[in-house]
Amino acid sequence: MIIEVISPGMLTTVQDLGRYGYGPLGVSPAGAADPIALRFGNRMAGNPENAAALEMTLLGGTFGFPEGAVVALTGADFDASIPLWTPVHLDPGATLKVGGSKTGARCYLCVRGGIQAPLFLGSASTHILTGLGGRQIRRGDKLQIEANAISDPIQLPRPDYLRKILRVTRGPQKFGEDALNIFCSSTYTVTEDSNRMGLRLQGPAIEAPHGGQMISEGVSLGAIQIPSGGQPIILFVDQQTTGGYPKIANVITADLPSVGQLRPRDEIRFELIDARTARRLLRERNLP
């Protein structure tokens, strides 16, 4: 069985839950920008949660299914020709159209069986800047569907998890109290110059220690850097693995899917919490 790419959309790639543990080798995790949407979509299609699917950004594509398929479309509302967050049986010869984003930045097309893609370091995820794991989907591509389904399609309740107030823990560098107060009390806007590598924010400037420069060190997913200009950068799934800017905070794991759904011009705020609370919030976020 295949998926015919009639129109690829703005930026469509194959993603699973990413490749972790290779930061010391300079390889960032990649993977779905909104892993909750991917996990739900795969489970509704009857797949393992880590099955490869299509991630579409801001503008979706048009896809043909010559032999039919069972699919689930999750994530942001892209004005698609099928309902969101529910398994759908497509007849042979069906065409699925996914339009432009009405809410959020990304939606996921999960197909029963999963999308066949070569593995790099155990993951099918595409790292766009380096080309590791593949490339951006193009018009005319024919994507093979795997036979990795493990259960019947199932309807799950739509999760409520997206936030515009991102909870963070303190970063490893020491910032002054005035800088922390500005960071925690201000509203920041996601700029057009944002991507899967990082989200650049615009708002009140934050004074970074040592003029925003330091010796490079390892950085984590969700780290918030403050360069010399004082405007925060949230490092994301295609991030570099080292950086030379001070880090004021780190987005907690439970809120990283919300980062994946931020669009340019969205406004966000930050709430500082401790590590114990962050761990509790992650445990409480258990999916059905």
C-alpha atoms as a PDB file:
ATOM      1  CA  MET A   1       0.000   0.000   0.000  1.00  0.00           C
ATOM      2  CA  ILE A   2       1.191   3.504  -0.770  1.00  0.00           C
ATOM      3  CA  ILE A   3       0.416   7.170  -0.173  1.00  0.00           C
ATOM      4  CA  GLU A   4       0.729   9.373  -3.255  1.00  0.00           C
ATOM      5  CA  VAL A   5       1.902  12.911  -2.491  1.00  0.00           C
ATOM      6  CA  ILE A   6      -0.200  15.116  -4.776  1.00  0.00           C
ATOM      7  CA  SER A   7       0.816  18.306  -2.963  1.00  0.00           C
ATOM      8  CA  PRO A   8       3.318  18.283  -0.082  1.00  0.00           C
ATOM      9  CA  GLY A   9       2.252  21.447   1.723  1.00  0.00           C
ATOM     10  CA  MET A  10       4.677  24.010   3.120  1.00  0.00           C
ATOM     11  CA  LEU A  11       6.910  21.736   5.193  1.00  0.00           C
ATOM     12  CA  THR A  12       5.984  18.074   5.510  1.00  0.00           C
ATOM     13  CA  THR A  13       8.382  15.496   6.924  1.00  0.00           C
ATOM     14  CA  VAL A  14       8.354  11.964   8.294  1.00  0.00           C
ATOM     15  CA  GLN A  15       8.648  11.989  12.089  1.00  0.00           C
ATOM     16  CA  ASP A  16       8.397   9.518  14.933  1.00  0.00           C
ATOM     17  CA  LEU A  17       9.218  10.195  18.597  1.00  0.00           C
ATOM     18  CA  GLY A  18      12.866  10.980  17.805  1.00  0.00           C
ATOM     19  CA  ARG A  19      16.336   9.671  18.534  1.00  0.00           C
ATOM     20  CA  TYR A  20      17.545  10.246  22.074  1.00  0.00           C
ATOM     21  CA  GLY A  21      20.896   9.663  23.759  1.00  0.00           C
ATOM     22  CA  TYR A  22      23.129  10.894  20.937  1.00  0.00           C
ATOM     23  CA  GLY A  23      23.681  14.471  22.107  1.00  0.00           C
ATOM     24  CA  PRO A  24      27.338  13.714  23.032  1.00  0.00           C
ATOM     25  CA  LEU A  25      27.834  12.780  19.360  1.00  0.00           C
ATOM     26  CA  GLY A  26      26.329  16.070  18.200  1.00  0.00           C
ATOM     27  CA  VAL A  27      23.005  14.556  17.074  1.00  0.00           C
ATOM     28  CA  SER A  28      19.852  16.258  18.365  1.00  0.00           C
ATOM     29  CA  PRO A  29      16.645  14.256  18.880  1.00  0.00           C
ATOM     30  CA  ALA A  30      14.455  15.606  16.028  1.00  0.00           C
ATOM     31  CA  GLY A  31      11.103  13.779  16.194  1.00  0.00           C
ATOM     32  CA  ALA A  32       7.570  15.128  16.372  1.00  0.00           C
ATOM     33  CA  ALA A  33       7.333  18.750  17.521  1.00  0.00           C
ATOM     34  CA  ASP A  34       4.072  17.781  19.256  1.00  0.00           C
ATOM     35  CA  PRO A  35       4.651  14.230  20.518  1.00  0.00           C
ATOM     36  CA  ILE A  36       1.251  14.007  22.223  1.00  0.00           C
ATOM     37  CA  ALA A  37      -0.542  14.531  18.899  1.00  0.00           C
ATOM     38  CA  LEU A  38       1.656  11.869  17.273  1.00  0.00           C
ATOM     39  CA  ARG A  39       1.127   9.361  20.073  1.00  0.00           C
ATOM     40  CA  PHE A  40      -2.645   9.814  20.062  1.00  0.00           C
ATOM     41  CA  GLY A  41      -2.834   9.612  16.272  1.00  0.00           C
ATOM     42  CA  ASN A  42      -0.872   6.387  16.188  1.00  0.00           C
ATOM     43  CA  ARG A  43      -2.927   4.798  18.940  1.00  0.00           C
ATOM     44  CA  MET A  44      -6.180   5.725  17.220  1.00  0.00           C
ATOM     45  CA  ALA A  45      -4.883   4.190  13.981  1.00  0.00           C
ATOM     46  CA  GLY A  46      -3.903   0.996  15.823  1.00  0.00           C
ATOM     47  CA  ASN A  47      -0.138   1.611  15.628  1.00  0.00           C
ATOM     48  CA  PRO A  48       2.629   1.585  18.203  1.00  0.00           C
ATOM     49  CA  GLU A  49       2.997   5.111  19.612  1.00  0.00           C
ATOM     50  CA  ASN A  50       6.407   5.514  17.938  1.00  0.00           C
ATOM     51  CA  ALA A  51       5.278   4.650  14.396  1.00  0.00           C
ATOM     52  CA  ALA A  52       6.439   7.056  11.684  1.00  0.00           C
ATOM     53  CA  ALA A  53       3.850   9.577  10.487  1.00  0.00           C
ATOM     54  CA  LEU A  54       3.697  12.802   8.480  1.00  0.00           C
ATOM     55  CA  GLU A  55       4.170  16.118  10.285  1.00  0.00           C
ATOM     56  CA  MET A  56       2.744  19.141   8.422  1.00  0.00           C
ATOM     57  CA  THR A  57       3.623  22.725   9.355  1.00  0.00           C
ATOM     58  CA  LEU A  58       1.264  25.718   8.862  1.00  0.00           C
ATOM     59  CA  LEU A  59       0.001  24.468   5.472  1.00  0.00           C
ATOM     60  CA  GLY A  60      -0.985  20.857   4.837  1.00  0.00           C
ATOM     61  CA  GLY A  61      -0.807  18.771   1.688  1.00  0.00           C
ATOM     62  CA  THR A  62      -3.019  16.626  -0.535  1.00  0.00           C
ATOM     63  CA  PHE A  63      -2.547  12.860  -0.478  1.00  0.00           C
ATOM     64  CA  GLY A  64      -3.937  10.011  -2.541  1.00  0.00           C
ATOM     65  CA  PHE A  65      -4.687   6.499  -1.272  1.00  0.00           C
ATOM     66  CA  PRO A  66      -5.019   4.172  -4.290  1.00  0.00           C
ATOM     67  CA  GLU A  67      -5.720   1.141  -2.091  1.00  0.00           C
ATOM     68  CA  GLY A  68      -7.470   2.947   0.752  1.00  0.00           C
ATOM     69  CA  ALA A  69      -6.259   3.148   4.361  1.00  0.00           C
ATOM     70  CA  VAL A  70      -7.216   3.817   7.952  1.00  0.00           C
ATOM     71  CA  VAL A  71      -5.871   7.190   9.061  1.00  0.00           C
ATOM     72  CA  ALA A  72      -6.035   9.559  12.020  1.00  0.00           C
ATOM     73  CA  LEU A  73      -5.357  13.281  11.740  1.00  0.00           C
ATOM     74  CA  THR A  74      -4.329  14.961  15.003  1.00  0.00           C
ATOM     75  CA  GLY A  75      -2.774  18.169  16.266  1.00  0.00           C
ATOM     76  CA  ALA A  76      -3.826  21.618  15.077  1.00  0.00           C
ATOM     77  CA  ASP A  77      -6.932  22.312  12.991  1.00  0.00           C
ATOM     78  CA  PHE A  78      -5.785  22.554   9.367  1.00  0.00           C
ATOM     79  CA  ASP A  79      -9.277  22.647   7.832  1.00  0.00           C
ATOM     80  CA  ALA A  80      -8.934  19.100   6.486  1.00  0.00           C
ATOM     81  CA  SER A  81     -11.430  17.012   4.528  1.00  0.00           C
ATOM     82  CA  ILE A  82     -11.743  14.529   7.425  1.00  0.00           C
ATOM     83  CA  PRO A  83     -12.468  15.146  11.128  1.00  0.00           C
ATOM     84  CA  LEU A  84      -9.647  15.605  13.608  1.00  0.00           C
ATOM     85  CA  TRP A  85      -8.797  13.257  16.467  1.00  0.00           C
ATOM     86  CA  THR A  86     -10.739  10.243  15.196  1.00  0.00           C
ATOM     87  CA  PRO A  87      -9.846   7.168  13.097  1.00  0.00           C
ATOM     88  CA  VAL A  88     -11.208   7.368   9.552  1.00  0.00           C
ATOM     89  CA  HIS A  89     -11.521   4.613   6.936  1.00  0.00           C
ATOM     90  CA  LEU A  90     -10.570   5.900   3.472  1.00  0.00           C
ATOM     91  CA  ASP A  91     -11.924   3.982   0.469  1.00  0.00           C
ATOM     92  CA  PRO A  92      -9.608   2.912  -2.387  1.00  0.00           C
ATOM     93  CA  GLY A  93      -8.920   5.894  -4.614  1.00  0.00           C
ATOM     94  CA  ALA A  94      -9.710   8.425  -1.881  1.00  0.00           C
ATOM     95  CA  THR A  95      -7.962  11.798  -1.681  1.00  0.00           C
ATOM     96  CA  LEU A  96      -7.242  13.534   1.617  1.00  0.00           C
ATOM     97  CA  LYS A  97      -6.891  17.312   1.547  1.00  0.00           C
ATOM     98  CA  VAL A  98      -5.306  19.179   4.449  1.00  0.00           C
ATOM     99  CA  GLY A  99      -5.532  22.973   4.286  1.00  0.00           C
ATOM    100  CA  GLY A 100      -3.958  25.852   6.149  1.00  0.00           C
ATOM    101  CA  SER A 101      -3.579  26.205   9.886  1.00  0.00           C
ATOM    102  CA  LYS A 102      -6.577  27.652  11.718  1.00  0.00           C
ATOM    103  CA  THR A 103      -5.195  26.910  15.194  1.00  0.00           C
ATOM    104  CA  GLY A 104      -1.677  25.856  16.122  1.00  0.00           C
ATOM    105  CA  ALA A 105       1.339  25.166  13.935  1.00  0.00           C
ATOM    106  CA  ARG A 106       1.397  21.431  13.178  1.00  0.00           C
ATOM    107  CA  CYS A 107      -0.855  18.499  12.395  1.00  0.00           C
ATOM    108  CA  TYR A 108      -0.031  14.817  12.014  1.00  0.00           C
ATOM    109  CA  LEU A 109      -1.235  12.255   9.512  1.00  0.00           C
ATOM    110  CA  CYS A 110      -0.959   8.805  11.073  1.00  0.00           C
ATOM    111  CA  VAL A 111      -1.707   5.827   8.813  1.00  0.00           C
ATOM    112  CA  ARG A 112      -2.571   2.359  10.084  1.00  0.00           C
ATOM    113  CA  GLY A 113       0.633   0.327   9.787  1.00  0.00           C
ATOM    114  CA  GLY A 114       2.931   3.362   9.871  1.00  0.00           C
ATOM    115  CA  ILE A 115       4.997   4.979   7.114  1.00  0.00           C
ATOM    116  CA  GLN A 116       7.970   2.997   5.860  1.00  0.00           C
ATOM    117  CA  ALA A 117      11.187   4.983   6.207  1.00  0.00           C
ATOM    118  CA  PRO A 118      14.867   4.104   6.729  1.00  0.00           C
ATOM    119  CA  LEU A 119      16.083   4.263  10.312  1.00  0.00           C
ATOM    120  CA  PHE A 120      19.063   6.373  11.377  1.00  0.00           C
ATOM    121  CA  LEU A 121      20.232   5.698  14.936  1.00  0.00           C
ATOM    122  CA  GLY A 122      17.015   3.820  15.536  1.00  0.00           C
ATOM    123  CA  SER A 123      14.621   6.557  14.368  1.00  0.00           C
ATOM    124  CA  ALA A 124      12.851   7.472  11.122  1.00  0.00           C
ATOM    125  CA  SER A 125      12.660  11.143  12.122  1.00  0.00           C
ATOM    126  CA  THR A 126      13.837  13.731   9.615  1.00  0.00           C
ATOM    127  CA  HIS A 127      16.364  16.309  10.866  1.00  0.00           C
ATOM    128  CA  ILE A 128      15.739  19.065   8.352  1.00  0.00           C
ATOM    129  CA  LEU A 129      18.985  21.052   8.553  1.00  0.00           C
ATOM    130  CA  THR A 130      21.312  18.056   8.230  1.00  0.00           C
ATOM    131  CA  GLY A 131      19.148  15.671   6.208  1.00  0.00           C
ATOM    132  CA  LEU A 132      19.677  12.895   8.759  1.00  0.00           C
ATOM    133  CA  GLY A 133      16.852  10.395   8.485  1.00  0.00           C
ATOM    134  CA  GLY A 134      15.582  11.685   5.136  1.00  0.00           C
ATOM    135  CA  ARG A 135      14.381  14.895   3.505  1.00  0.00           C
ATOM    136  CA  GLN A 136      11.318  17.077   3.174  1.00  0.00           C
ATOM    137  CA  ILE A 137       8.394  15.368   1.386  1.00  0.00           C
ATOM    138  CA  ARG A 138       7.995  16.419  -2.281  1.00  0.00           C
ATOM    139  CA  ARG A 139       5.260  16.369  -4.893  1.00  0.00           C
ATOM    140  CA  GLY A 140       5.149  12.986  -6.648  1.00  0.00           C
ATOM    141  CA  ASP A 141       6.640  10.997  -3.758  1.00  0.00           C
ATOM    142  CA  LYS A 142       5.121   7.580  -3.165  1.00  0.00           C
ATOM    143  CA  LEU A 143       5.308   6.619   0.489  1.00  0.00           C
ATOM    144  CA  GLN A 144       5.108   2.966   1.407  1.00  0.00           C
ATOM    145  CA  ILE A 145       2.853   1.948   4.289  1.00  0.00           C
ATOM    146  CA  GLU A 146       4.267  -0.549   6.774  1.00  0.00           C
ATOM    147  CA  ALA A 147       2.394  -3.476   8.282  1.00  0.00           C
ATOM    148  CA  ASN A 148       3.115  -2.607  11.904  1.00  0.00           C
ATOM    149  CA  ALA A 149      -0.417  -2.216  13.262  1.00  0.00           C
ATOM    150  CA  ILE A 150      -0.825  -3.844  16.673  1.00  0.00           C
ATOM    151  CA  SER A 151      -4.532  -3.311  17.382  1.00  0.00           C
ATOM    152  CA  ASP A 152      -7.813  -2.284  15.839  1.00  0.00           C
ATOM    153  CA  PRO A 153      -8.458   1.432  15.318  1.00  0.00           C
ATOM    154  CA  ILE A 154      -9.831   3.021  18.464  1.00  0.00           C
ATOM    155  CA  GLN A 155     -11.475   6.305  19.385  1.00  0.00           C
ATOM    156  CA  LEU A 156      -9.757   8.160  22.227  1.00  0.00           C
ATOM    157  CA  PRO A 157     -10.882  11.322  24.036  1.00  0.00           C
ATOM    158  CA  ARG A 158      -9.237  14.438  22.660  1.00  0.00           C
ATOM    159  CA  PRO A 159      -6.484  15.528  25.065  1.00  0.00           C
ATOM    160  CA  ASP A 160      -6.452  18.985  26.614  1.00  0.00           C
ATOM    161  CA  TYR A 161      -2.788  19.868  27.029  1.00  0.00           C
ATOM    162  CA  LEU A 162      -1.845  23.032  25.109  1.00  0.00           C
ATOM    163  CA  ARG A 163      -0.742  26.101  27.062  1.00  0.00           C
ATOM    164  CA  LYS A 164       0.347  29.666  26.341  1.00  0.00           C
ATOM    165  CA  ILE A 165       1.883  30.047  29.804  1.00  0.00           C
ATOM    166  CA  LEU A 166       4.920  27.786  29.629  1.00  0.00           C
ATOM    167  CA  ARG A 167       6.225  26.398  32.878  1.00  0.00           C
ATOM    168  CA  VAL A 168      10.006  26.467  33.265  1.00  0.00           C
ATOM    169  CA  THR A 169      12.722  25.514  35.717  1.00  0.00           C
ATOM    170  CA  ARG A 170      15.811  27.616  36.423  1.00  0.00           C
ATOM    171  CA  GLY A 171      18.701  27.355  33.986  1.00  0.00           C
ATOM    172  CA  PRO A 172      22.310  26.570  34.913  1.00  0.00           C
ATOM    173  CA  GLN A 173      23.577  30.168  34.639  1.00  0.00           C
ATOM    174  CA  LYS A 174      22.961  32.759  37.374  1.00  0.00           C
ATOM    175  CA  PHE A 175      20.846  35.734  36.264  1.00  0.00           C
ATOM    176  CA  GLY A 176      20.132  38.805  38.371  1.00  0.00           C
ATOM    177  CA  GLU A 177      16.804  39.224  40.149  1.00  0.00           C
ATOM    178  CA  ASP A 178      15.801  42.059  37.824  1.00  0.00           C
ATOM    179  CA  ALA A 179      16.388  39.812  34.790  1.00  0.00           C
ATOM    180  CA  LEU A 180      14.330  36.994  36.334  1.00  0.00           C
ATOM    181  CA  ASN A 181      11.515  39.391  37.193  1.00  0.00           C
ATOM    182  CA  ILE A 182      11.377  40.675  33.615  1.00  0.00           C
ATOM    183  CA  PHE A 183      11.437  37.106  32.261  1.00  0.00           C
ATOM    184  CA  CYS A 184       8.599  35.914  34.507  1.00  0.00           C
ATOM    185  CA  SER A 185       6.355  38.983  34.252  1.00  0.00           C
ATOM    186  CA  SER A 186       6.579  39.819  30.534  1.00  0.00           C
ATOM    187  CA  THR A 187       4.706  38.702  27.451  1.00  0.00           C
ATOM    188  CA  TYR A 188       6.837  37.504  24.513  1.00  0.00           C
ATOM    189  CA  THR A 189       5.850  37.122  20.873  1.00  0.00           C
ATOM    190  CA  VAL A 190       7.024  34.261  18.644  1.00  0.00           C
ATOM    191  CA  THR A 191       8.817  35.812  15.656  1.00  0.00           C
ATOM    192  CA  GLU A 192       8.740  34.782  12.000  1.00  0.00           C
ATOM    193  CA  ASP A 193      12.369  33.685  12.367  1.00  0.00           C
ATOM    194  CA  SER A 194      11.423  30.494  14.219  1.00  0.00           C
ATOM    195  CA  ASN A 195      11.650  26.853  13.193  1.00  0.00           C
ATOM    196  CA  ARG A 196      12.176  23.341  14.536  1.00  0.00           C
ATOM    197  CA  MET A 197      15.688  24.300  15.647  1.00  0.00           C
ATOM    198  CA  GLY A 198      14.555  27.134  17.871  1.00  0.00           C
ATOM    199  CA  LEU A 199      11.854  29.715  18.522  1.00  0.00           C
ATOM    200  CA  ARG A 200      13.041  33.312  18.637  1.00  0.00           C
ATOM    201  CA  LEU A 201      10.977  35.567  20.875  1.00  0.00           C
ATOM    202  CA  GLN A 202      10.459  39.322  20.917  1.00  0.00           C
ATOM    203  CA  GLY A 203       9.684  41.287  24.056  1.00  0.00           C
ATOM    204  CA  PRO A 204      11.292  43.167  26.936  1.00  0.00           C
ATOM    205  CA  ALA A 205      15.062  42.643  26.823  1.00  0.00           C
ATOM    206  CA  ILE A 206      16.691  40.553  29.538  1.00  0.00           C
ATOM    207  CA  GLU A 207      20.170  41.405  30.738  1.00  0.00           C
ATOM    208  CA  ALA A 208      22.338  38.298  30.465  1.00  0.00           C
ATOM    209  CA  PRO A 209      25.465  37.729  32.551  1.00  0.00           C
ATOM    210  CA  HIS A 210      28.808  38.429  30.873  1.00  0.00           C
ATOM    211  CA  GLY A 211      27.119  40.280  28.022  1.00  0.00           C
ATOM    212  CA  GLY A 212      25.340  37.140  26.788  1.00  0.00           C
ATOM    213  CA  GLN A 213      28.572  35.280  25.998  1.00  0.00           C
ATOM    214  CA  MET A 214      30.112  32.219  27.626  1.00  0.00           C
ATOM    215  CA  ILE A 215      32.192  29.168  26.822  1.00  0.00           C
ATOM    216  CA  SER A 216      30.088  26.690  24.846  1.00  0.00           C
ATOM    217  CA  GLU A 217      28.555  23.818  26.771  1.00  0.00           C
ATOM    218  CA  GLY A 218      25.938  21.157  26.217  1.00  0.00           C
ATOM    219  CA  VAL A 219      22.346  22.348  25.900  1.00  0.00           C
ATOM    220  CA  SER A 220      19.097  20.512  26.540  1.00  0.00           C
ATOM    221  CA  LEU A 221      15.811  20.347  24.676  1.00  0.00           C
ATOM    222  CA  GLY A 222      13.695  23.311  25.754  1.00  0.00           C
ATOM    223  CA  ALA A 223      16.619  25.385  27.047  1.00  0.00           C
ATOM    224  CA  ILE A 224      15.961  29.142  26.863  1.00  0.00           C
ATOM    225  CA  GLN A 225      19.057  31.056  25.804  1.00  0.00           C
ATOM    226  CA  ILE A 226      19.571  34.803  26.284  1.00  0.00           C
ATOM    227  CA  PRO A 227      22.065  36.174  23.711  1.00  0.00           C
ATOM    228  CA  SER A 228      23.627  39.630  23.820  1.00  0.00           C
ATOM    229  CA  GLY A 229      20.489  41.342  22.463  1.00  0.00           C
ATOM    230  CA  GLY A 230      18.466  40.123  25.435  1.00  0.00           C
ATOM    231  CA  GLN A 231      15.732  38.376  23.374  1.00  0.00           C
ATOM    232  CA  PRO A 232      15.022  34.759  24.448  1.00  0.00           C
ATOM    233  CA  ILE A 233      15.478  31.735  22.164  1.00  0.00           C
ATOM    234  CA  ILE A 234      13.760  28.427  23.013  1.00  0.00           C
ATOM    235  CA  LEU A 235      15.885  25.557  21.706  1.00  0.00           C
ATOM    236  CA  PHE A 236      13.701  22.918  20.118  1.00  0.00           C
ATOM    237  CA  VAL A 237      13.724  19.430  18.583  1.00  0.00           C
ATOM    238  CA  ASP A 238      16.285  20.111  15.805  1.00  0.00           C
ATOM    239  CA  GLN A 239      18.499  22.151  18.145  1.00  0.00           C
ATOM    240  CA  GLN A 240      22.267  22.291  18.144  1.00  0.00           C
ATOM    241  CA  THR A 241      23.701  20.194  20.969  1.00  0.00           C
ATOM    242  CA  THR A 242      26.103  22.843  22.334  1.00  0.00           C
ATOM    243  CA  GLY A 243      25.710  26.575  22.758  1.00  0.00           C
ATOM    244  CA  GLY A 244      27.582  29.634  24.000  1.00  0.00           C
ATOM    245  CA  TYR A 245      24.714  31.772  25.308  1.00  0.00           C
ATOM    246  CA  PRO A 246      23.615  31.820  28.964  1.00  0.00           C
ATOM    247  CA  LYS A 247      20.443  29.869  29.698  1.00  0.00           C
ATOM    248  CA  ILE A 248      17.944  31.511  32.019  1.00  0.00           C
ATOM    249  CA  ALA A 249      15.479  28.596  32.170  1.00  0.00           C
ATOM    250  CA  ASN A 250      14.291  25.348  30.595  1.00  0.00           C
ATOM    251  CA  VAL A 251      10.759  24.531  29.440  1.00  0.00           C
ATOM    252  CA  ILE A 252       9.538  21.510  31.396  1.00  0.00           C
ATOM    253  CA  THR A 253       8.963  18.255  29.509  1.00  0.00           C
ATOM    254  CA  ALA A 254       5.199  18.349  30.114  1.00  0.00           C
ATOM    255  CA  ASP A 255       4.948  21.668  28.218  1.00  0.00           C
ATOM    256  CA  LEU A 256       7.223  20.910  25.254  1.00  0.00           C
ATOM    257  CA  PRO A 257       4.266  19.778  23.050  1.00  0.00           C
ATOM    258  CA  SER A 258       2.810  23.265  23.520  1.00  0.00           C
ATOM    259  CA  VAL A 259       6.012  24.757  22.103  1.00  0.00           C
ATOM    260  CA  GLY A 260       5.526  22.589  19.006  1.00  0.00           C
ATOM    261  CA  GLN A 261       2.147  24.208  18.344  1.00  0.00           C
ATOM    262  CA  LEU A 262       3.291  27.842  18.613  1.00  0.00           C
ATOM    263  CA  ARG A 263       2.897  29.923  15.461  1.00  0.00           C
ATOM    264  CA  PRO A 264       4.577  33.204  14.509  1.00  0.00           C
ATOM    265  CA  ARG A 265       2.909  36.123  16.314  1.00  0.00           C
ATOM    266  CA  ASP A 266       1.594  33.904  19.109  1.00  0.00           C
ATOM    267  CA  GLU A 267       2.069  35.459  22.556  1.00  0.00           C
ATOM    268  CA  ILE A 268       3.399  33.451  25.490  1.00  0.00           C
ATOM    269  CA  ARG A 269       4.461  33.947  29.091  1.00  0.00           C
ATOM    270  CA  PHE A 270       6.662  31.976  31.467  1.00  0.00           C
ATOM    271  CA  GLU A 271       5.986  30.585  34.935  1.00  0.00           C
ATOM    272  CA  LEU A 272       8.952  29.540  37.062  1.00  0.00           C
ATOM    273  CA  ILE A 273       8.515  26.290  39.049  1.00  0.00           C
ATOM    274  CA  ASP A 274      10.859  23.907  40.843  1.00  0.00           C
ATOM    275  CA  ALA A 275      12.156  20.572  39.579  1.00  0.00           C
ATOM    276  CA  ARG A 276       9.967  18.536  41.959  1.00  0.00           C
ATOM    277  CA  THR A 277       6.826  20.199  40.613  1.00  0.00           C
ATOM    278  CA  ALA A 278       8.024  19.642  37.042  1.00  0.00           C
ATOM    279  CA  ARG A 279       8.387  15.911  37.690  1.00  0.00           C
ATOM    280  CA  ARG A 280       4.940  15.770  39.286  1.00  0.00           C
ATOM    281  CA  LEU A 281       3.354  17.531  36.302  1.00  0.00           C
ATOM    282  CA  LEU A 282       4.975  15.037  33.937  1.00  0.00           C
ATOM    283  CA  ARG A 283       3.621  12.106  35.943  1.00  0.00           C
ATOM    284  CA  GLU A 284       0.153  13.650  35.996  1.00  0.00           C
ATOM    285  CA  ARG A 285       0.181  14.070  32.236  1.00  0.00           C
ATOM    286  CA  ASN A 286      -0.091  10.291  31.719  1.00  0.00           C
ATOM    287  CA  LEU A 287      -2.120   9.538  28.603  1.00  0.00           C
ATOM    288  CA  PRO A 288      -5.109   7.158  28.542  1.00  0.00           C
END
